[in-house]
């Protein structure tokens, strides 16, 4: 059995050192993220950048004047929407052969679109297309492994509570309080992902601590 967990960490930078503090200098899993530059490079077995963020980038290109921006944006928005629908269908049916057949055809059409438009667009769209070409294994990993979602919505949902708290309270006034808040958010969001009562967990943890008993676990585990 596998349990989802959330780890929130308080830090004073958003640099690569913070990422390596959490994941180490080598990461054997699949890193799902937005396209923030800190996630590029390093020793990572596999990576999936969020197509929802990519879609927002192309939506902005859609409104730019000239240089075929509207046309190329429409082409890639259609491809991204198709990819989301195909992955949603796989999640519902788990029909792997159907998904693999679609993915193979999709890759061909994607590469054709890149070859057609790469030298016919302006600066902003050109950056996106070059990223799709040069970092294809990061944008389209889910085509080969649909168990990995094409977005990072799970992480976005886990951060929502922290973002809401920051907007309401203005954030913590010291790094110590920031770190303590991050620890509490880790417990709260992990309980929610595991469909456990947050208050029940805190009660069990306090009782276990006061009676010198084993503290209840939230860490993911595998059981065969």
N, C-alpha and C. Protein backbone atom coordinates (compact mmCIF):
# COMPACT_ATOMS: atom_id res chain seq x y z
N UNK A 1 0.85 -1.19 0.00
CA UNK A 1 0.00 0.00 0.00
C UNK A 1 0.89 1.25 0.00
N UNK A 2 0.48 2.28 -0.75
CA UNK A 2 1.25 3.51 -0.81
C UNK A 2 0.40 4.66 -0.28
N UNK A 3 1.01 5.53 0.48
CA UNK A 3 0.31 6.70 0.99
C UNK A 3 0.97 7.96 0.47
N UNK A 4 0.14 8.91 0.04
CA UNK A 4 0.67 10.20 -0.39
C UNK A 4 1.07 11.01 0.83
N UNK A 5 2.07 11.84 0.65
CA UNK A 5 2.47 12.73 1.73
C UNK A 5 2.90 14.06 1.15
N UNK A 6 2.86 15.09 1.97
CA UNK A 6 3.24 16.44 1.57
C UNK A 6 4.35 16.91 2.49
N UNK A 7 5.40 17.45 1.90
CA UNK A 7 6.50 17.99 2.70
C UNK A 7 6.66 19.46 2.36
N UNK A 8 6.34 20.32 3.32
CA UNK A 8 6.52 21.76 3.16
C UNK A 8 7.76 22.17 3.93
N UNK A 9 8.60 22.99 3.30
CA UNK A 9 9.84 23.39 3.94
C UNK A 9 9.98 24.90 3.89
N UNK A 10 10.29 25.50 5.03
CA UNK A 10 10.51 26.93 5.09
C UNK A 10 11.95 27.27 4.76
N UNK A 11 12.16 28.16 3.81
CA UNK A 11 13.51 28.56 3.41
C UNK A 11 13.48 30.02 2.97
N UNK A 12 14.65 30.64 2.97
CA UNK A 12 14.71 32.06 2.62
C UNK A 12 15.13 32.30 1.18
N UNK A 13 15.28 31.24 0.38
CA UNK A 13 15.58 31.39 -1.04
C UNK A 13 14.75 30.39 -1.84
N UNK A 14 14.76 30.58 -3.15
CA UNK A 14 14.13 29.61 -4.05
C UNK A 14 15.19 29.01 -4.98
N UNK A 15 16.43 28.95 -4.50
CA UNK A 15 17.54 28.49 -5.31
C UNK A 15 17.64 26.97 -5.37
N UNK A 16 18.58 26.52 -6.18
CA UNK A 16 18.76 25.09 -6.37
C UNK A 16 19.20 24.38 -5.09
N UNK A 17 19.89 25.12 -4.21
CA UNK A 17 20.34 24.50 -2.97
C UNK A 17 19.17 23.99 -2.15
N UNK A 18 18.03 24.70 -2.21
CA UNK A 18 16.86 24.25 -1.46
C UNK A 18 16.29 22.97 -2.05
N UNK A 19 16.28 22.89 -3.39
CA UNK A 19 15.80 21.68 -4.05
C UNK A 19 16.68 20.49 -3.69
N UNK A 20 17.99 20.69 -3.71
CA UNK A 20 18.91 19.60 -3.40
C UNK A 20 18.87 19.23 -1.92
N UNK A 21 18.50 20.17 -1.07
CA UNK A 21 18.34 19.84 0.35
C UNK A 21 17.21 18.85 0.54
N UNK A 22 16.15 19.00 -0.24
CA UNK A 22 15.00 18.10 -0.11
C UNK A 22 15.18 16.80 -0.89
N UNK A 23 15.74 16.87 -2.10
CA UNK A 23 15.81 15.69 -2.96
C UNK A 23 17.19 15.06 -3.04
N UNK A 24 18.22 15.79 -2.57
CA UNK A 24 19.58 15.31 -2.74
C UNK A 24 20.13 15.74 -4.09
N UNK A 25 21.39 15.47 -4.33
CA UNK A 25 22.02 15.87 -5.60
C UNK A 25 21.65 14.91 -6.73
N UNK A 26 21.16 13.73 -6.40
CA UNK A 26 20.68 12.79 -7.39
C UNK A 26 19.30 12.31 -6.97
N UNK A 27 18.37 12.31 -7.91
CA UNK A 27 16.98 11.95 -7.60
C UNK A 27 16.54 10.84 -8.54
N UNK A 28 16.13 9.72 -7.97
CA UNK A 28 15.81 8.54 -8.78
C UNK A 28 14.35 8.47 -9.20
N UNK A 29 13.53 9.41 -8.75
CA UNK A 29 12.12 9.40 -9.09
C UNK A 29 11.81 10.26 -10.30
N UNK A 30 10.53 10.57 -10.47
CA UNK A 30 10.08 11.46 -11.52
C UNK A 30 9.73 12.80 -10.88
N UNK A 31 10.41 13.85 -11.28
CA UNK A 31 10.18 15.17 -10.72
C UNK A 31 9.13 15.90 -11.54
N UNK A 32 7.96 16.13 -10.95
CA UNK A 32 6.90 16.90 -11.61
C UNK A 32 6.96 18.32 -11.08
N UNK A 33 6.96 19.29 -11.98
CA UNK A 33 7.14 20.68 -11.54
C UNK A 33 6.57 21.63 -12.58
N UNK A 34 6.56 22.92 -12.22
CA UNK A 34 6.32 23.94 -13.23
C UNK A 34 7.62 24.13 -14.01
N UNK A 35 7.73 25.17 -14.81
CA UNK A 35 8.93 25.32 -15.63
C UNK A 35 9.90 26.35 -15.05
N UNK A 36 9.87 26.52 -13.73
CA UNK A 36 10.83 27.39 -13.06
C UNK A 36 12.24 26.86 -13.32
N UNK A 37 13.19 27.75 -13.59
CA UNK A 37 14.52 27.35 -14.05
C UNK A 37 15.29 26.50 -13.04
N UNK A 38 14.97 26.60 -11.76
CA UNK A 38 15.73 25.86 -10.75
C UNK A 38 15.59 24.36 -10.93
N UNK A 39 14.53 23.91 -11.61
CA UNK A 39 14.32 22.48 -11.81
C UNK A 39 15.11 21.93 -12.99
N UNK A 40 15.76 22.79 -13.75
CA UNK A 40 16.57 22.33 -14.88
C UNK A 40 17.95 21.92 -14.40
N UNK A 41 18.56 20.97 -15.10
CA UNK A 41 19.88 20.52 -14.75
C UNK A 41 19.85 19.55 -13.58
N UNK A 42 21.01 19.21 -13.08
CA UNK A 42 21.09 18.26 -11.98
C UNK A 42 20.91 16.83 -12.47
N UNK A 43 21.10 15.89 -11.56
CA UNK A 43 20.96 14.47 -11.89
C UNK A 43 19.59 13.99 -11.48
N UNK A 44 18.68 13.96 -12.44
CA UNK A 44 17.30 13.55 -12.20
C UNK A 44 16.96 12.45 -13.20
N UNK A 45 16.43 11.36 -12.69
CA UNK A 45 16.13 10.23 -13.56
C UNK A 45 15.12 10.59 -14.62
N UNK A 46 14.06 11.28 -14.24
CA UNK A 46 13.01 11.66 -15.19
C UNK A 46 12.31 12.91 -14.68
N UNK A 47 11.71 13.65 -15.60
CA UNK A 47 11.07 14.91 -15.24
C UNK A 47 9.85 15.14 -16.11
N UNK A 48 8.81 15.71 -15.52
CA UNK A 48 7.61 16.11 -16.25
C UNK A 48 7.26 17.55 -15.87
N UNK A 49 7.44 18.44 -16.83
CA UNK A 49 7.03 19.82 -16.62
C UNK A 49 5.53 19.93 -16.84
N UNK A 50 4.92 20.92 -16.20
CA UNK A 50 3.46 21.05 -16.18
C UNK A 50 2.92 21.62 -17.49
N UNK A 51 2.07 20.85 -18.18
CA UNK A 51 1.48 21.32 -19.42
C UNK A 51 0.46 22.43 -19.18
N UNK A 52 -0.10 22.50 -17.99
CA UNK A 52 -1.03 23.59 -17.70
C UNK A 52 -0.30 24.92 -17.72
N UNK A 53 0.93 24.95 -17.21
CA UNK A 53 1.74 26.17 -17.28
C UNK A 53 2.11 26.48 -18.73
N UNK A 54 2.46 25.44 -19.49
CA UNK A 54 2.78 25.64 -20.90
C UNK A 54 1.58 26.21 -21.65
N UNK A 55 0.41 25.72 -21.31
CA UNK A 55 -0.80 26.22 -21.97
C UNK A 55 -1.00 27.71 -21.69
N UNK A 56 -0.72 28.13 -20.45
CA UNK A 56 -0.85 29.55 -20.12
C UNK A 56 0.14 30.40 -20.91
N UNK A 57 1.34 29.87 -21.12
CA UNK A 57 2.33 30.59 -21.92
C UNK A 57 1.83 30.80 -23.35
N UNK A 58 1.27 29.75 -23.94
CA UNK A 58 0.76 29.87 -25.31
C UNK A 58 -0.48 30.77 -25.37
N UNK A 59 -1.26 30.79 -24.31
CA UNK A 59 -2.40 31.71 -24.28
C UNK A 59 -1.93 33.16 -24.33
N UNK A 60 -0.82 33.45 -23.68
CA UNK A 60 -0.27 34.80 -23.74
C UNK A 60 0.25 35.11 -25.15
N UNK A 61 0.89 34.12 -25.78
CA UNK A 61 1.37 34.30 -27.15
C UNK A 61 0.21 34.57 -28.09
N UNK A 62 -0.93 33.96 -27.82
CA UNK A 62 -2.12 34.13 -28.66
C UNK A 62 -2.51 35.59 -28.79
N UNK A 63 -2.26 36.38 -27.77
CA UNK A 63 -2.64 37.78 -27.80
C UNK A 63 -1.58 38.71 -28.32
N UNK A 64 -0.41 38.18 -28.70
CA UNK A 64 0.66 39.03 -29.20
C UNK A 64 0.47 39.32 -30.69
N UNK A 65 0.80 40.51 -31.12
CA UNK A 65 0.61 40.86 -32.54
C UNK A 65 1.73 40.30 -33.42
N UNK A 66 1.41 40.03 -34.67
CA UNK A 66 2.40 39.72 -35.70
C UNK A 66 3.12 38.41 -35.54
N UNK A 67 4.01 38.12 -36.51
CA UNK A 67 4.93 36.98 -36.48
C UNK A 67 4.23 35.63 -36.32
N UNK A 68 3.04 35.50 -36.87
CA UNK A 68 2.31 34.22 -36.82
C UNK A 68 1.99 33.76 -35.41
N UNK A 69 2.04 34.68 -34.45
CA UNK A 69 1.85 34.28 -33.05
C UNK A 69 0.49 33.61 -32.81
N UNK A 70 -0.56 34.20 -33.33
CA UNK A 70 -1.90 33.65 -33.11
C UNK A 70 -2.02 32.25 -33.72
N UNK A 71 -1.48 32.09 -34.92
CA UNK A 71 -1.60 30.80 -35.61
C UNK A 71 -0.85 29.70 -34.87
N UNK A 72 0.40 29.97 -34.48
CA UNK A 72 1.18 28.94 -33.80
C UNK A 72 0.61 28.65 -32.42
N UNK A 73 0.11 29.66 -31.76
CA UNK A 73 -0.49 29.44 -30.44
C UNK A 73 -1.71 28.52 -30.55
N UNK A 74 -2.53 28.73 -31.56
CA UNK A 74 -3.72 27.89 -31.74
C UNK A 74 -3.32 26.44 -31.99
N UNK A 75 -2.28 26.24 -32.80
CA UNK A 75 -1.83 24.88 -33.10
C UNK A 75 -1.40 24.15 -31.82
N UNK A 76 -0.59 24.80 -31.01
CA UNK A 76 -0.06 24.12 -29.83
C UNK A 76 -1.06 24.08 -28.67
N UNK A 77 -1.95 25.04 -28.61
CA UNK A 77 -3.04 24.94 -27.64
C UNK A 77 -3.92 23.73 -27.94
N UNK A 78 -4.18 23.49 -29.22
CA UNK A 78 -4.99 22.33 -29.62
C UNK A 78 -4.27 21.03 -29.26
N UNK A 79 -2.95 20.99 -29.49
CA UNK A 79 -2.20 19.78 -29.15
C UNK A 79 -2.19 19.54 -27.65
N UNK A 80 -1.99 20.59 -26.87
CA UNK A 80 -1.97 20.45 -25.41
C UNK A 80 -3.33 19.99 -24.90
N UNK A 81 -4.42 20.59 -25.42
CA UNK A 81 -5.76 20.18 -25.00
C UNK A 81 -6.02 18.72 -25.36
N UNK A 82 -5.56 18.31 -26.54
CA UNK A 82 -5.72 16.92 -26.95
C UNK A 82 -4.98 15.99 -25.99
N UNK A 83 -3.78 16.39 -25.59
CA UNK A 83 -2.99 15.57 -24.68
C UNK A 83 -3.69 15.41 -23.32
N UNK A 84 -4.25 16.49 -22.82
CA UNK A 84 -4.98 16.41 -21.55
C UNK A 84 -6.17 15.46 -21.66
N UNK A 85 -6.91 15.54 -22.77
CA UNK A 85 -8.08 14.68 -22.95
C UNK A 85 -7.68 13.21 -23.08
N UNK A 86 -6.62 12.95 -23.81
CA UNK A 86 -6.16 11.56 -23.97
C UNK A 86 -5.70 10.98 -22.64
N UNK A 87 -5.01 11.78 -21.85
CA UNK A 87 -4.55 11.28 -20.55
C UNK A 87 -5.73 11.06 -19.60
N UNK A 88 -6.71 11.96 -19.66
CA UNK A 88 -7.91 11.77 -18.83
C UNK A 88 -8.64 10.49 -19.22
N UNK A 89 -8.71 10.20 -20.53
CA UNK A 89 -9.35 8.97 -20.98
C UNK A 89 -8.59 7.75 -20.48
N UNK A 90 -7.26 7.81 -20.50
CA UNK A 90 -6.47 6.69 -19.98
C UNK A 90 -6.73 6.48 -18.50
N UNK A 91 -6.82 7.57 -17.73
CA UNK A 91 -7.06 7.44 -16.29
C UNK A 91 -8.39 6.73 -16.03
N UNK A 92 -9.36 6.96 -16.89
CA UNK A 92 -10.68 6.35 -16.69
C UNK A 92 -10.72 4.90 -17.14
N UNK A 93 -10.05 4.60 -18.26
CA UNK A 93 -10.18 3.28 -18.87
C UNK A 93 -8.99 2.36 -18.64
N UNK A 94 -7.79 2.96 -18.46
CA UNK A 94 -6.53 2.21 -18.34
C UNK A 94 -6.28 1.34 -19.58
N UNK A 95 -6.77 1.76 -20.73
CA UNK A 95 -6.54 1.03 -21.98
C UNK A 95 -5.17 1.43 -22.55
N UNK A 96 -4.16 0.65 -22.20
CA UNK A 96 -2.79 1.02 -22.52
C UNK A 96 -2.51 0.98 -24.03
N UNK A 97 -3.01 -0.02 -24.73
CA UNK A 97 -2.75 -0.12 -26.17
C UNK A 97 -3.33 1.07 -26.92
N UNK A 98 -4.52 1.47 -26.54
CA UNK A 98 -5.15 2.64 -27.16
C UNK A 98 -4.34 3.89 -26.88
N UNK A 99 -3.89 4.04 -25.65
CA UNK A 99 -3.09 5.21 -25.28
C UNK A 99 -1.76 5.22 -26.02
N UNK A 100 -1.09 4.07 -26.08
CA UNK A 100 0.21 3.99 -26.75
C UNK A 100 0.09 4.33 -28.23
N UNK A 101 -0.98 3.86 -28.87
CA UNK A 101 -1.20 4.16 -30.28
C UNK A 101 -1.41 5.65 -30.49
N UNK A 102 -2.22 6.25 -29.62
CA UNK A 102 -2.43 7.69 -29.72
C UNK A 102 -1.13 8.44 -29.48
N UNK A 103 -0.36 8.05 -28.47
CA UNK A 103 0.87 8.75 -28.13
C UNK A 103 1.87 8.70 -29.28
N UNK A 104 1.96 7.56 -29.95
CA UNK A 104 2.88 7.45 -31.08
C UNK A 104 2.50 8.42 -32.20
N UNK A 105 1.21 8.47 -32.51
CA UNK A 105 0.74 9.40 -33.54
C UNK A 105 0.91 10.85 -33.10
N UNK A 106 0.68 11.11 -31.82
CA UNK A 106 0.80 12.46 -31.29
C UNK A 106 2.23 12.97 -31.41
N UNK A 107 3.20 12.12 -31.11
CA UNK A 107 4.60 12.53 -31.21
C UNK A 107 4.95 12.95 -32.63
N UNK A 108 4.44 12.21 -33.62
CA UNK A 108 4.71 12.54 -35.02
C UNK A 108 4.14 13.90 -35.37
N UNK A 109 2.88 14.14 -34.97
CA UNK A 109 2.24 15.43 -35.27
C UNK A 109 2.88 16.58 -34.51
N UNK A 110 3.33 16.30 -33.30
CA UNK A 110 4.02 17.32 -32.51
C UNK A 110 5.33 17.74 -33.19
N UNK A 111 6.11 16.76 -33.60
CA UNK A 111 7.38 17.06 -34.27
C UNK A 111 7.16 17.77 -35.60
N UNK A 112 6.10 17.40 -36.31
CA UNK A 112 5.79 18.08 -37.56
C UNK A 112 5.43 19.55 -37.30
N UNK A 113 4.67 19.79 -36.25
CA UNK A 113 4.29 21.17 -35.91
C UNK A 113 5.52 21.99 -35.53
N UNK A 114 6.44 21.39 -34.77
CA UNK A 114 7.67 22.10 -34.40
C UNK A 114 8.50 22.43 -35.64
N UNK A 115 8.63 21.46 -36.54
CA UNK A 115 9.42 21.70 -37.75
C UNK A 115 8.79 22.77 -38.63
N UNK A 116 7.47 22.83 -38.63
CA UNK A 116 6.76 23.80 -39.47
C UNK A 116 6.90 25.22 -38.94
N UNK A 117 6.80 25.39 -37.62
CA UNK A 117 6.66 26.73 -37.06
C UNK A 117 7.91 27.30 -36.41
N UNK A 118 8.91 26.49 -36.15
CA UNK A 118 10.04 26.95 -35.34
C UNK A 118 10.72 28.20 -35.89
N UNK A 119 10.82 28.30 -37.22
CA UNK A 119 11.51 29.44 -37.83
C UNK A 119 10.56 30.49 -38.39
N UNK A 120 9.29 30.43 -37.96
CA UNK A 120 8.30 31.35 -38.51
C UNK A 120 7.58 32.17 -37.44
N UNK A 121 8.16 32.22 -36.26
CA UNK A 121 7.49 32.91 -35.16
C UNK A 121 8.40 33.95 -34.54
N UNK A 122 7.81 34.79 -33.71
CA UNK A 122 8.57 35.82 -33.01
C UNK A 122 9.32 35.27 -31.81
N UNK A 123 9.87 36.20 -31.04
CA UNK A 123 10.78 35.83 -29.95
C UNK A 123 10.10 34.98 -28.88
N UNK A 124 8.95 35.44 -28.38
CA UNK A 124 8.29 34.75 -27.26
C UNK A 124 7.87 33.34 -27.65
N UNK A 125 7.20 33.22 -28.80
CA UNK A 125 6.79 31.89 -29.25
C UNK A 125 8.00 31.03 -29.57
N UNK A 126 9.05 31.66 -30.11
CA UNK A 126 10.26 30.91 -30.43
C UNK A 126 10.89 30.28 -29.21
N UNK A 127 10.89 30.99 -28.09
CA UNK A 127 11.44 30.43 -26.85
C UNK A 127 10.67 29.18 -26.42
N UNK A 128 9.35 29.25 -26.52
CA UNK A 128 8.52 28.10 -26.14
C UNK A 128 8.80 26.90 -27.05
N UNK A 129 8.86 27.14 -28.35
CA UNK A 129 9.07 26.05 -29.29
C UNK A 129 10.47 25.44 -29.12
N UNK A 130 11.46 26.27 -28.86
CA UNK A 130 12.81 25.74 -28.62
C UNK A 130 12.85 24.90 -27.35
N UNK A 131 12.11 25.32 -26.33
CA UNK A 131 12.04 24.53 -25.11
C UNK A 131 11.37 23.18 -25.38
N UNK A 132 10.31 23.19 -26.19
CA UNK A 132 9.63 21.94 -26.52
C UNK A 132 10.54 21.02 -27.33
N UNK A 133 11.38 21.61 -28.15
CA UNK A 133 12.32 20.81 -28.95
C UNK A 133 13.49 20.30 -28.10
N UNK A 134 14.11 21.18 -27.35
CA UNK A 134 15.34 20.83 -26.63
C UNK A 134 15.08 20.07 -25.34
N UNK A 135 13.90 20.23 -24.75
CA UNK A 135 13.58 19.57 -23.49
C UNK A 135 12.35 18.68 -23.63
N UNK A 136 12.26 18.03 -24.79
CA UNK A 136 11.08 17.20 -25.08
C UNK A 136 10.86 16.13 -24.03
N UNK A 137 11.96 15.53 -23.52
CA UNK A 137 11.82 14.47 -22.53
C UNK A 137 11.27 14.98 -21.21
N UNK A 138 11.33 16.30 -20.99
CA UNK A 138 10.78 16.88 -19.77
C UNK A 138 9.33 17.32 -19.94
N UNK A 139 8.96 17.74 -21.13
CA UNK A 139 7.59 18.19 -21.36
C UNK A 139 6.63 17.04 -21.65
N UNK A 140 7.15 15.96 -22.25
CA UNK A 140 6.26 14.91 -22.76
C UNK A 140 6.55 13.54 -22.16
N UNK A 141 7.11 13.50 -20.97
CA UNK A 141 7.43 12.22 -20.34
C UNK A 141 6.18 11.35 -20.19
N UNK A 142 5.04 11.96 -19.92
CA UNK A 142 3.81 11.20 -19.66
C UNK A 142 3.33 10.43 -20.89
N UNK A 143 3.83 10.79 -22.08
CA UNK A 143 3.45 10.05 -23.27
C UNK A 143 3.95 8.61 -23.21
N UNK A 144 5.09 8.40 -22.59
CA UNK A 144 5.64 7.05 -22.43
C UNK A 144 5.22 6.38 -21.14
N UNK A 145 4.85 7.19 -20.16
CA UNK A 145 4.45 6.64 -18.85
C UNK A 145 3.24 7.42 -18.33
N UNK A 146 2.03 7.01 -18.71
CA UNK A 146 0.83 7.77 -18.32
C UNK A 146 0.53 7.73 -16.82
N UNK A 147 1.25 6.89 -16.06
CA UNK A 147 1.05 6.92 -14.61
C UNK A 147 1.54 8.24 -14.02
N UNK A 148 2.36 8.97 -14.78
CA UNK A 148 2.81 10.31 -14.38
C UNK A 148 1.88 11.33 -15.02
N UNK A 149 1.20 12.17 -14.25
CA UNK A 149 0.27 13.15 -14.82
C UNK A 149 1.00 14.22 -15.62
N UNK A 150 0.34 14.82 -16.61
CA UNK A 150 0.98 15.84 -17.43
C UNK A 150 0.99 17.22 -16.80
N UNK A 151 0.59 17.33 -15.56
CA UNK A 151 0.60 18.63 -14.87
C UNK A 151 1.08 18.43 -13.44
N UNK A 152 1.24 19.52 -12.73
CA UNK A 152 1.65 19.43 -11.32
C UNK A 152 0.54 19.93 -10.40
N UNK A 153 -0.71 19.64 -10.79
CA UNK A 153 -1.86 20.11 -10.02
C UNK A 153 -1.86 19.57 -8.59
N UNK A 154 -1.32 18.36 -8.40
CA UNK A 154 -1.28 17.79 -7.05
C UNK A 154 -0.46 18.68 -6.13
N UNK A 155 0.69 19.13 -6.63
CA UNK A 155 1.53 20.02 -5.83
C UNK A 155 0.87 21.38 -5.63
N UNK A 156 0.21 21.87 -6.68
CA UNK A 156 -0.47 23.16 -6.58
C UNK A 156 -1.55 23.12 -5.51
N UNK A 157 -2.29 22.01 -5.46
CA UNK A 157 -3.35 21.88 -4.44
C UNK A 157 -2.76 21.80 -3.04
N UNK A 158 -1.62 21.13 -2.93
CA UNK A 158 -1.01 21.01 -1.60
C UNK A 158 -0.47 22.35 -1.10
N UNK A 159 -0.14 23.25 -2.03
CA UNK A 159 0.37 24.57 -1.65
C UNK A 159 -0.72 25.59 -1.38
N UNK A 160 -1.93 25.27 -1.78
CA UNK A 160 -3.00 26.26 -1.72
C UNK A 160 -3.23 26.79 -0.30
N UNK A 161 -3.17 25.91 0.68
CA UNK A 161 -3.39 26.33 2.07
C UNK A 161 -2.31 27.32 2.50
N UNK A 162 -1.06 27.05 2.12
CA UNK A 162 0.04 27.95 2.49
C UNK A 162 -0.12 29.30 1.81
N UNK A 163 -0.51 29.29 0.55
CA UNK A 163 -0.70 30.55 -0.18
C UNK A 163 -1.83 31.36 0.42
N UNK A 164 -2.93 30.69 0.77
CA UNK A 164 -4.06 31.38 1.38
C UNK A 164 -3.67 31.99 2.72
N UNK A 165 -2.92 31.22 3.53
CA UNK A 165 -2.48 31.74 4.83
C UNK A 165 -1.61 32.98 4.65
N UNK A 166 -0.71 32.94 3.66
CA UNK A 166 0.18 34.08 3.44
C UNK A 166 -0.61 35.32 3.03
N UNK A 167 -1.63 35.13 2.20
CA UNK A 167 -2.43 36.27 1.76
C UNK A 167 -3.23 36.86 2.92
N UNK A 168 -3.72 36.00 3.81
CA UNK A 168 -4.57 36.46 4.91
C UNK A 168 -3.73 37.10 6.02
N UNK A 169 -2.64 36.42 6.40
CA UNK A 169 -1.86 36.87 7.57
C UNK A 169 -0.62 37.67 7.21
N UNK A 170 -0.24 37.66 5.93
CA UNK A 170 0.97 38.36 5.54
C UNK A 170 2.24 37.57 5.75
N UNK A 171 2.11 36.31 6.10
CA UNK A 171 3.29 35.47 6.28
C UNK A 171 3.85 35.53 7.68
N UNK A 172 4.89 34.74 7.92
CA UNK A 172 5.53 34.68 9.24
C UNK A 172 6.53 35.82 9.40
N UNK A 173 6.78 36.22 10.64
CA UNK A 173 7.68 37.34 10.92
C UNK A 173 9.10 36.91 11.24
N UNK A 174 9.35 35.64 11.31
CA UNK A 174 10.71 35.16 11.56
C UNK A 174 10.89 33.83 10.83
N UNK A 175 12.14 33.49 10.55
CA UNK A 175 12.41 32.22 9.87
C UNK A 175 11.99 31.04 10.74
N UNK A 176 12.17 31.15 12.06
CA UNK A 176 11.78 30.06 12.95
C UNK A 176 10.28 29.79 12.85
N UNK A 177 9.49 30.86 12.89
CA UNK A 177 8.03 30.69 12.79
C UNK A 177 7.65 30.19 11.40
N UNK A 178 8.38 30.62 10.38
CA UNK A 178 8.13 30.16 9.02
C UNK A 178 8.35 28.65 8.93
N UNK A 179 9.44 28.17 9.52
CA UNK A 179 9.74 26.74 9.50
C UNK A 179 8.70 25.95 10.29
N UNK A 180 8.25 26.50 11.41
CA UNK A 180 7.22 25.81 12.21
C UNK A 180 5.90 25.74 11.45
N UNK A 181 5.56 26.83 10.76
CA UNK A 181 4.34 26.83 9.96
C UNK A 181 4.43 25.80 8.85
N UNK A 182 5.60 25.69 8.21
CA UNK A 182 5.79 24.71 7.15
C UNK A 182 5.61 23.30 7.68
N UNK A 183 6.11 23.03 8.88
CA UNK A 183 5.94 21.70 9.48
C UNK A 183 4.47 21.39 9.72
N UNK A 184 3.74 22.37 10.24
CA UNK A 184 2.31 22.17 10.49
C UNK A 184 1.56 21.93 9.18
N UNK A 185 1.91 22.69 8.15
CA UNK A 185 1.27 22.51 6.85
C UNK A 185 1.57 21.13 6.27
N UNK A 186 2.78 20.63 6.52
CA UNK A 186 3.12 19.28 6.05
C UNK A 186 2.18 18.25 6.65
N UNK A 187 1.93 18.37 7.95
CA UNK A 187 1.05 17.42 8.64
C UNK A 187 -0.39 17.57 8.16
N UNK A 188 -0.87 18.81 8.10
CA UNK A 188 -2.26 19.05 7.74
C UNK A 188 -2.58 18.55 6.33
N UNK A 189 -1.73 18.93 5.36
CA UNK A 189 -1.99 18.54 3.98
C UNK A 189 -1.78 17.04 3.76
N UNK A 190 -0.83 16.44 4.47
CA UNK A 190 -0.64 14.99 4.35
C UNK A 190 -1.85 14.25 4.87
N UNK A 191 -2.39 14.68 6.00
CA UNK A 191 -3.61 14.06 6.53
C UNK A 191 -4.76 14.17 5.53
N UNK A 192 -4.88 15.31 4.90
CA UNK A 192 -5.96 15.49 3.92
C UNK A 192 -5.78 14.57 2.72
N UNK A 193 -4.54 14.43 2.23
CA UNK A 193 -4.29 13.55 1.09
C UNK A 193 -4.53 12.09 1.46
N UNK A 194 -4.33 11.76 2.72
CA UNK A 194 -4.54 10.38 3.16
C UNK A 194 -5.94 10.16 3.73
N UNK A 195 -6.81 11.18 3.59
CA UNK A 195 -8.20 11.09 4.07
C UNK A 195 -8.24 10.75 5.57
N UNK A 196 -7.36 11.40 6.32
CA UNK A 196 -7.31 11.21 7.77
C UNK A 196 -7.71 12.50 8.46
N UNK A 197 -8.26 12.38 9.64
CA UNK A 197 -8.64 13.55 10.42
C UNK A 197 -7.38 14.23 10.97
N UNK A 198 -7.25 15.51 10.67
CA UNK A 198 -6.09 16.26 11.16
C UNK A 198 -6.10 16.32 12.68
N UNK A 199 -7.27 16.64 13.26
CA UNK A 199 -7.36 16.75 14.71
C UNK A 199 -7.12 15.41 15.39
N UNK A 200 -7.63 14.34 14.78
CA UNK A 200 -7.41 13.01 15.36
C UNK A 200 -5.92 12.67 15.35
N UNK A 201 -5.22 13.03 14.28
CA UNK A 201 -3.79 12.76 14.22
C UNK A 201 -3.03 13.53 15.30
N UNK A 202 -3.35 14.83 15.44
CA UNK A 202 -2.67 15.62 16.47
C UNK A 202 -2.97 15.05 17.86
N UNK A 203 -4.21 14.63 18.10
CA UNK A 203 -4.55 14.06 19.40
C UNK A 203 -3.75 12.77 19.66
N UNK A 204 -3.69 11.90 18.63
CA UNK A 204 -2.94 10.66 18.79
C UNK A 204 -1.45 10.94 19.01
N UNK A 205 -0.92 11.92 18.30
CA UNK A 205 0.50 12.25 18.43
C UNK A 205 0.81 12.80 19.82
N UNK A 206 -0.05 13.68 20.33
CA UNK A 206 0.16 14.25 21.66
C UNK A 206 0.04 13.18 22.75
N UNK A 207 -0.95 12.31 22.60
CA UNK A 207 -1.13 11.23 23.57
C UNK A 207 0.07 10.29 23.55
N UNK A 208 0.56 9.96 22.34
CA UNK A 208 1.71 9.07 22.22
C UNK A 208 2.94 9.70 22.83
N UNK A 209 3.13 11.00 22.58
CA UNK A 209 4.30 11.70 23.12
C UNK A 209 4.25 11.76 24.65
N UNK A 210 3.08 12.06 25.21
CA UNK A 210 2.96 12.19 26.67
C UNK A 210 3.09 10.85 27.37
N UNK A 211 2.74 9.76 26.68
CA UNK A 211 2.80 8.43 27.30
C UNK A 211 4.01 7.61 26.83
N UNK A 212 4.91 8.27 26.13
CA UNK A 212 6.12 7.62 25.63
C UNK A 212 5.79 6.41 24.77
N UNK A 213 4.79 6.60 23.87
CA UNK A 213 4.40 5.55 22.94
C UNK A 213 4.91 5.88 21.54
N UNK A 214 4.71 4.96 20.61
CA UNK A 214 5.15 5.18 19.23
C UNK A 214 4.30 6.28 18.59
N UNK A 215 4.97 7.27 18.02
CA UNK A 215 4.27 8.37 17.36
C UNK A 215 3.64 7.86 16.07
N UNK A 216 2.39 8.21 15.78
CA UNK A 216 1.76 7.76 14.53
C UNK A 216 2.53 8.26 13.31
N UNK A 217 2.54 7.45 12.25
CA UNK A 217 3.33 7.72 11.06
C UNK A 217 2.52 8.43 9.98
N UNK A 218 3.19 9.31 9.26
CA UNK A 218 2.62 9.92 8.06
C UNK A 218 3.50 9.67 6.85
N UNK A 219 4.67 9.10 7.04
CA UNK A 219 5.63 8.91 5.97
C UNK A 219 5.12 7.83 5.02
N UNK A 220 5.27 8.04 3.70
CA UNK A 220 4.82 7.03 2.74
C UNK A 220 5.56 5.70 2.94
N UNK A 221 4.86 4.62 2.64
CA UNK A 221 5.48 3.32 2.76
C UNK A 221 4.89 2.40 1.69
N UNK A 222 5.59 1.32 1.43
CA UNK A 222 5.11 0.30 0.50
C UNK A 222 4.93 -0.99 1.28
N UNK A 223 3.85 -1.69 0.98
CA UNK A 223 3.59 -2.95 1.66
C UNK A 223 3.21 -3.97 0.61
N UNK A 224 3.87 -5.11 0.61
CA UNK A 224 3.59 -6.15 -0.37
C UNK A 224 2.97 -7.37 0.32
